[in-house]
């Protein structure tokens, strides 16, 4: 058996570490996708509630201006 200077063991260690890092990266990508979805939902809710609040304030100002005259 030729002297391989421990390369087969080191090769297995490197491949196992690369596999572990790839799995971790996939988990991070899934988390980022979920966060982006949550932010998009929150942004849509903020726009909706902002529009509702604006319409309510406009309606109140119209009522007050007619009631005051």
PDB file of N, CA and C in Angstrom:
ATOM      1  N   UNK A   1       0.850  -1.181   0.000  1.00  0.00           N
ATOM      2  CA  UNK A   1       0.000   0.000   0.000  1.00  0.00           C
ATOM      3  C   UNK A   1       0.897   1.246   0.000  1.00  0.00           C
ATOM      4  N   UNK A   2       0.747   2.093  -1.009  1.00  0.00           N
ATOM      5  CA  UNK A   2       1.598   3.282  -1.067  1.00  0.00           C
ATOM      6  C   UNK A   2       1.236   4.276   0.025  1.00  0.00           C
ATOM      7  N   UNK A   3       2.200   5.057   0.408  1.00  0.00           N
ATOM      8  CA  UNK A   3       1.995   6.088   1.435  1.00  0.00           C
ATOM      9  C   UNK A   3       1.220   7.249   0.823  1.00  0.00           C
ATOM     10  N   UNK A   4      -0.009   7.479   1.269  1.00  0.00           N
ATOM     11  CA  UNK A   4      -0.858   8.557   0.731  1.00  0.00           C
ATOM     12  C   UNK A   4      -0.901   9.753   1.659  1.00  0.00           C
ATOM     13  N   UNK A   5      -0.112   9.674   2.710  1.00  0.00           N
ATOM     14  CA  UNK A   5       0.027  10.806   3.621  1.00  0.00           C
ATOM     15  C   UNK A   5      -1.299  11.200   4.280  1.00  0.00           C
ATOM     16  N   UNK A   6      -2.215  10.232   4.457  1.00  0.00           N
ATOM     17  CA  UNK A   6      -3.471  10.498   5.144  1.00  0.00           C
ATOM     18  C   UNK A   6      -4.529  11.180   4.295  1.00  0.00           C
ATOM     19  N   UNK A   7      -4.296  11.280   2.990  1.00  0.00           N
ATOM     20  CA  UNK A   7      -5.240  11.981   2.121  1.00  0.00           C
ATOM     21  C   UNK A   7      -6.633  11.363   2.116  1.00  0.00           C
ATOM     22  N   UNK A   8      -6.822  10.034   2.064  1.00  0.00           N
ATOM     23  CA  UNK A   8      -8.188   9.483   2.045  1.00  0.00           C
ATOM     24  C   UNK A   8      -9.015   9.912   3.258  1.00  0.00           C
ATOM     25  N   UNK A   9      -8.408   9.924   4.443  1.00  0.00           N
ATOM     26  CA  UNK A   9      -9.142  10.341   5.637  1.00  0.00           C
ATOM     27  C   UNK A   9      -9.478  11.836   5.575  1.00  0.00           C
ATOM     28  N   UNK A  10      -8.503  12.608   5.138  1.00  0.00           N
ATOM     29  CA  UNK A  10      -8.731  14.050   5.031  1.00  0.00           C
ATOM     30  C   UNK A  10      -9.777  14.350   3.965  1.00  0.00           C
ATOM     31  N   UNK A  11      -9.758  13.603   2.876  1.00  0.00           N
ATOM     32  CA  UNK A  11     -10.741  13.776   1.807  1.00  0.00           C
ATOM     33  C   UNK A  11     -12.152  13.518   2.332  1.00  0.00           C
ATOM     34  N   UNK A  12     -12.323  12.454   3.098  1.00  0.00           N
ATOM     35  CA  UNK A  12     -13.641  12.157   3.686  1.00  0.00           C
ATOM     36  C   UNK A  12     -14.076  13.266   4.637  1.00  0.00           C
ATOM     37  N   UNK A  13     -13.145  13.786   5.422  1.00  0.00           N
ATOM     38  CA  UNK A  13     -13.451  14.879   6.346  1.00  0.00           C
ATOM     39  C   UNK A  13     -13.885  16.128   5.593  1.00  0.00           C
ATOM     40  N   UNK A  14     -13.166  16.466   4.533  1.00  0.00           N
ATOM     41  CA  UNK A  14     -13.499  17.658   3.740  1.00  0.00           C
ATOM     42  C   UNK A  14     -14.862  17.486   3.081  1.00  0.00           C
ATOM     43  N   UNK A  15     -15.122  16.335   2.494  1.00  0.00           N
ATOM     44  CA  UNK A  15     -16.422  16.101   1.847  1.00  0.00           C
ATOM     45  C   UNK A  15     -17.569  16.136   2.854  1.00  0.00           C
ATOM     46  N   UNK A  16     -17.353  15.588   4.044  1.00  0.00           N
ATOM     47  CA  UNK A  16     -18.392  15.640   5.079  1.00  0.00           C
ATOM     48  C   UNK A  16     -18.653  17.075   5.510  1.00  0.00           C
ATOM     49  N   UNK A  17     -17.600  17.859   5.634  1.00  0.00           N
ATOM     50  CA  UNK A  17     -17.759  19.267   6.030  1.00  0.00           C
ATOM     51  C   UNK A  17     -18.471  20.062   4.941  1.00  0.00           C
ATOM     52  N   UNK A  18     -18.135  19.807   3.686  1.00  0.00           N
ATOM     53  CA  UNK A  18     -18.813  20.491   2.583  1.00  0.00           C
ATOM     54  C   UNK A  18     -20.295  20.126   2.542  1.00  0.00           C
ATOM     55  N   UNK A  19     -20.602  18.883   2.797  1.00  0.00           N
ATOM     56  CA  UNK A  19     -22.008  18.452   2.855  1.00  0.00           C
ATOM     57  C   UNK A  19     -22.740  19.152   3.982  1.00  0.00           C
ATOM     58  N   UNK A  20     -22.097  19.230   5.143  1.00  0.00           N
ATOM     59  CA  UNK A  20     -22.717  19.901   6.293  1.00  0.00           C
ATOM     60  C   UNK A  20     -22.944  21.381   5.990  1.00  0.00           C
ATOM     61  N   UNK A  21     -21.959  22.029   5.391  1.00  0.00           N
ATOM     62  CA  UNK A  21     -22.099  23.446   5.058  1.00  0.00           C
ATOM     63  C   UNK A  21     -23.187  23.673   4.009  1.00  0.00           C
ATOM     64  N   UNK A  22     -23.299  22.765   3.053  1.00  0.00           N
ATOM     65  CA  UNK A  22     -24.340  22.888   2.028  1.00  0.00           C
ATOM     66  C   UNK A  22     -25.730  22.764   2.653  1.00  0.00           C
ATOM     67  N   UNK A  23     -25.889  21.838   3.577  1.00  0.00           N
ATOM     68  CA  UNK A  23     -27.180  21.685   4.259  1.00  0.00           C
ATOM     69  C   UNK A  23     -27.508  22.938   5.068  1.00  0.00           C
ATOM     70  N   UNK A  24     -26.499  23.499   5.724  1.00  0.00           N
ATOM     71  CA  UNK A  24     -26.709  24.736   6.480  1.00  0.00           C
ATOM     72  C   UNK A  24     -27.093  25.893   5.567  1.00  0.00           C
ATOM     73  N   UNK A  25     -26.453  25.981   4.409  1.00  0.00           N
ATOM     74  CA  UNK A  25     -26.750  27.047   3.455  1.00  0.00           C
ATOM     75  C   UNK A  25     -28.172  26.909   2.915  1.00  0.00           C
ATOM     76  N   UNK A  26     -28.598  25.692   2.659  1.00  0.00           N
ATOM     77  CA  UNK A  26     -29.970  25.471   2.193  1.00  0.00           C
ATOM     78  C   UNK A  26     -30.981  25.904   3.247  1.00  0.00           C
ATOM     79  N   UNK A  27     -30.692  25.638   4.512  1.00  0.00           N
ATOM     80  CA  UNK A  27     -31.582  26.051   5.605  1.00  0.00           C
ATOM     81  C   UNK A  27     -31.648  27.573   5.682  1.00  0.00           C
ATOM     82  N   UNK A  28     -30.500  28.238   5.529  1.00  0.00           N
ATOM     83  CA  UNK A  28     -30.473  29.701   5.556  1.00  0.00           C
ATOM     84  C   UNK A  28     -31.280  30.264   4.395  1.00  0.00           C
ATOM     85  N   UNK A  29     -31.158  29.674   3.212  1.00  0.00           N
ATOM     86  CA  UNK A  29     -31.913  30.144   2.064  1.00  0.00           C
ATOM     87  C   UNK A  29     -33.417  29.971   2.281  1.00  0.00           C
ATOM     88  N   UNK A  30     -33.822  28.867   2.897  1.00  0.00           N
ATOM     89  CA  UNK A  30     -35.242  28.669   3.209  1.00  0.00           C
ATOM     90  C   UNK A  30     -35.724  29.716   4.204  1.00  0.00           C
ATOM     91  N   UNK A  31     -34.901  30.009   5.208  1.00  0.00           N
ATOM     92  CA  UNK A  31     -35.267  31.026   6.196  1.00  0.00           C
ATOM     93  C   UNK A  31     -35.389  32.403   5.555  1.00  0.00           C
ATOM     94  N   UNK A  32     -34.474  32.741   4.660  1.00  0.00           N
ATOM     95  CA  UNK A  32     -34.525  34.037   3.976  1.00  0.00           C
ATOM     96  C   UNK A  32     -35.785  34.127   3.114  1.00  0.00           C
ATOM     97  N   UNK A  33     -36.132  33.060   2.445  1.00  0.00           N
ATOM     98  CA  UNK A  33     -37.354  33.040   1.639  1.00  0.00           C
ATOM     99  C   UNK A  33     -38.578  33.268   2.520  1.00  0.00           C
ATOM    100  N   UNK A  34     -38.620  32.625   3.675  1.00  0.00           N
ATOM    101  CA  UNK A  34     -39.742  32.797   4.601  1.00  0.00           C
ATOM    102  C   UNK A  34     -39.798  34.224   5.129  1.00  0.00           C
ATOM    103  N   UNK A  35     -38.655  34.802   5.439  1.00  0.00           N
ATOM    104  CA  UNK A  35     -38.621  36.187   5.929  1.00  0.00           C
ATOM    105  C   UNK A  35     -39.100  37.143   4.849  1.00  0.00           C
ATOM    106  N   UNK A  36     -38.670  36.933   3.603  1.00  0.00           N
ATOM    107  CA  UNK A  36     -39.127  37.796   2.506  1.00  0.00           C
ATOM    108  C   UNK A  36     -40.633  37.719   2.337  1.00  0.00           C
ATOM    109  N   UNK A  37     -41.188  36.521   2.455  1.00  0.00           N
ATOM    110  CA  UNK A  37     -42.636  36.362   2.359  1.00  0.00           C
ATOM    111  C   UNK A  37     -43.339  37.100   3.492  1.00  0.00           C
ATOM    112  N   UNK A  38     -42.811  36.980   4.701  1.00  0.00           N
ATOM    113  CA  UNK A  38     -43.406  37.667   5.848  1.00  0.00           C
ATOM    114  C   UNK A  38     -43.355  39.182   5.677  1.00  0.00           C
ATOM    115  N   UNK A  39     -42.241  39.692   5.173  1.00  0.00           N
ATOM    116  CA  UNK A  39     -42.112  41.135   4.952  1.00  0.00           C
ATOM    117  C   UNK A  39     -43.103  41.596   3.890  1.00  0.00           C
ATOM    118  N   UNK A  40     -43.268  40.819   2.828  1.00  0.00           N
ATOM    119  CA  UNK A  40     -44.224  41.186   1.780  1.00  0.00           C
ATOM    120  C   UNK A  40     -45.649  41.227   2.330  1.00  0.00           C
ATOM    121  N   UNK A  41     -45.992  40.273   3.174  1.00  0.00           N
ATOM    122  CA  UNK A  41     -47.327  40.244   3.777  1.00  0.00           C
ATOM    123  C   UNK A  41     -47.519  41.450   4.689  1.00  0.00           C
ATOM    124  N   UNK A  42     -46.528  41.740   5.525  1.00  0.00           N
ATOM    125  CA  UNK A  42     -46.623  42.895   6.426  1.00  0.00           C
ATOM    126  C   UNK A  42     -46.714  44.207   5.647  1.00  0.00           C
ATOM    127  N   UNK A  43     -45.973  44.306   4.545  1.00  0.00           N
ATOM    128  CA  UNK A  43     -46.020  45.508   3.719  1.00  0.00           C
ATOM    129  C   UNK A  43     -47.427  45.689   3.121  1.00  0.00           C
ATOM    130  N   UNK A  44     -48.014  44.600   2.651  1.00  0.00           N
ATOM    131  CA  UNK A  44     -49.363  44.676   2.085  1.00  0.00           C
ATOM    132  C   UNK A  44     -50.376  45.084   3.156  1.00  0.00           C
ATOM    133  N   UNK A  45     -50.228  44.541   4.354  1.00  0.00           N
ATOM    134  CA  UNK A  45     -51.138  44.911   5.438  1.00  0.00           C
ATOM    135  C   UNK A  45     -50.966  46.377   5.810  1.00  0.00           C
ATOM    136  N   UNK A  46     -49.738  46.864   5.838  1.00  0.00           N
ATOM    137  CA  UNK A  46     -49.492  48.268   6.184  1.00  0.00           C
ATOM    138  C   UNK A  46     -50.115  49.193   5.145  1.00  0.00           C
ATOM    139  N   UNK A  47     -49.977  48.852   3.877  1.00  0.00           N
ATOM    140  CA  UNK A  47     -50.573  49.665   2.819  1.00  0.00           C
ATOM    141  C   UNK A  47     -52.091  49.662   2.949  1.00  0.00           C
ATOM    142  N   UNK A  48     -52.657  48.513   3.198  1.00  0.00           N
ATOM    143  CA  UNK A  48     -54.115  48.412   3.332  1.00  0.00           C
ATOM    144  C   UNK A  48     -54.616  49.241   4.504  1.00  0.00           C
ATOM    145  N   UNK A  49     -53.997  49.070   5.675  1.00  0.00           N
ATOM    146  CA  UNK A  49     -54.442  49.813   6.848  1.00  0.00           C
ATOM    147  C   UNK A  49     -54.188  51.311   6.695  1.00  0.00           C
ATOM    148  N   UNK A  50     -53.118  51.674   6.011  1.00  0.00           N
ATOM    149  CA  UNK A  50     -52.858  53.084   5.757  1.00  0.00           C
ATOM    150  C   UNK A  50     -53.926  53.690   4.865  1.00  0.00           C
ATOM    151  N   UNK A  51     -54.325  52.943   3.847  1.00  0.00           N
ATOM    152  CA  UNK A  51     -55.377  53.423   2.953  1.00  0.00           C
ATOM    153  C   UNK A  51     -56.708  53.542   3.693  1.00  0.00           C
ATOM    154  N   UNK A  52     -57.028  52.557   4.509  1.00  0.00           N
ATOM    155  CA  UNK A  52     -58.277  52.603   5.283  1.00  0.00           C
ATOM    156  C   UNK A  52     -58.256  53.802   6.230  1.00  0.00           C
ATOM    157  N   UNK A  53     -57.142  54.005   6.913  1.00  0.00           N
ATOM    158  CA  UNK A  53     -57.034  55.152   7.820  1.00  0.00           C
ATOM    159  C   UNK A  53     -57.156  56.471   7.075  1.00  0.00           C
ATOM    160  N   UNK A  54     -56.548  56.565   5.896  1.00  0.00           N
ATOM    161  CA  UNK A  54     -56.651  57.786   5.102  1.00  0.00           C
ATOM    162  C   UNK A  54     -58.061  58.062   4.660  1.00  0.00           C
ATOM    163  N   UNK A  55     -58.758  57.024   4.228  1.00  0.00           N
ATOM    164  CA  UNK A  55     -60.157  57.197   3.805  1.00  0.00           C
ATOM    165  C   UNK A  55     -61.024  57.592   4.988  1.00  0.00           C
ATOM    166  N   UNK A  56     -60.803  57.002   6.134  1.00  0.00           N
ATOM    167  CA  UNK A  56     -61.588  57.362   7.321  1.00  0.00           C
ATOM    168  C   UNK A  56     -61.346  58.816   7.719  1.00  0.00           C
ATOM    169  N   UNK A  57     -60.092  59.245   7.703  1.00  0.00           N
ATOM    170  CA  UNK A  57     -59.790  60.635   8.051  1.00  0.00           C
ATOM    171  C   UNK A  57     -60.400  61.597   7.031  1.00  0.00           C
ATOM    172  N   UNK A  58     -60.331  61.241   5.755  1.00  0.00           N
ATOM    173  CA  UNK A  58     -60.938  62.075   4.721  1.00  0.00           C
ATOM    174  C   UNK A  58     -62.454  62.159   4.949  1.00  0.00           C
ATOM    175  N   UNK A  59     -63.081  61.007   5.233  1.00  0.00           N
ATOM    176  CA  UNK A  59     -64.521  60.996   5.483  1.00  0.00           C
ATOM    177  C   UNK A  59     -64.887  61.842   6.686  1.00  0.00           C
ATOM    178  N   UNK A  60     -64.110  61.742   7.758  1.00  0.00           N
ATOM    179  CA  UNK A  60     -64.372  62.554   8.948  1.00  0.00           C
ATOM    180  C   UNK A  60     -64.206  64.041   8.646  1.00  0.00           C
ATOM    181  N   UNK A  61     -63.198  64.382   7.862  1.00  0.00           N
ATOM    182  CA  UNK A  61     -63.010  65.797   7.542  1.00  0.00           C
ATOM    183  C   UNK A  61     -64.138  66.322   6.674  1.00  0.00           C
ATOM    184  N   UNK A  62     -64.662  65.511   5.773  1.00  0.00           N
ATOM    185  CA  UNK A  62     -65.805  65.928   4.950  1.00  0.00           C
ATOM    186  C   UNK A  62     -67.032  66.121   5.830  1.00  0.00           C
ATOM    187  N   UNK A  63     -67.285  65.195   6.729  1.00  0.00           N
ATOM    188  CA  UNK A  63     -68.434  65.309   7.629  1.00  0.00           C
ATOM    189  C   UNK A  63     -68.325  66.530   8.521  1.00  0.00           C
ATOM    190  N   UNK A  64     -67.152  66.756   9.096  1.00  0.00           N
ATOM    191  CA  UNK A  64     -66.956  67.906   9.986  1.00  0.00           C
ATOM    192  C   UNK A  64     -67.098  69.204   9.203  1.00  0.00           C
ATOM    193  N   UNK A  65     -66.581  69.240   7.982  1.00  0.00           N
ATOM    194  CA  UNK A  65     -66.681  70.495   7.216  1.00  0.00           C
ATOM    195  C   UNK A  65     -68.134  70.778   6.841  1.00  0.00           C
ATOM    196  N   UNK A  66     -68.929  69.775   6.512  1.00  0.00           N
ATOM    197  CA  UNK A  66     -70.343  70.023   6.219  1.00  0.00           C
ATOM    198  C   UNK A  66     -71.149  70.315   7.485  1.00  0.00           C
ATOM    199  N   UNK A  67     -70.798  69.677   8.560  1.00  0.00           N
ATOM    200  CA  UNK A  67     -71.524  69.850   9.810  1.00  0.00           C
ATOM    201  C   UNK A  67     -71.210  71.220  10.419  1.00  0.00           C
ATOM    202  N   UNK A  68     -69.988  71.700  10.185  1.00  0.00           N
ATOM    203  CA  UNK A  68     -69.576  72.996  10.741  1.00  0.00           C
ATOM    204  C   UNK A  68     -70.207  74.182  10.006  1.00  0.00           C
ATOM    205  N   UNK A  69     -70.603  73.974   8.770  1.00  0.00           N
ATOM    206  CA  UNK A  69     -71.180  75.096   8.004  1.00  0.00           C
ATOM    207  C   UNK A  69     -72.620  75.269   8.276  1.00  0.00           C
TER     208      UNK A  69
END
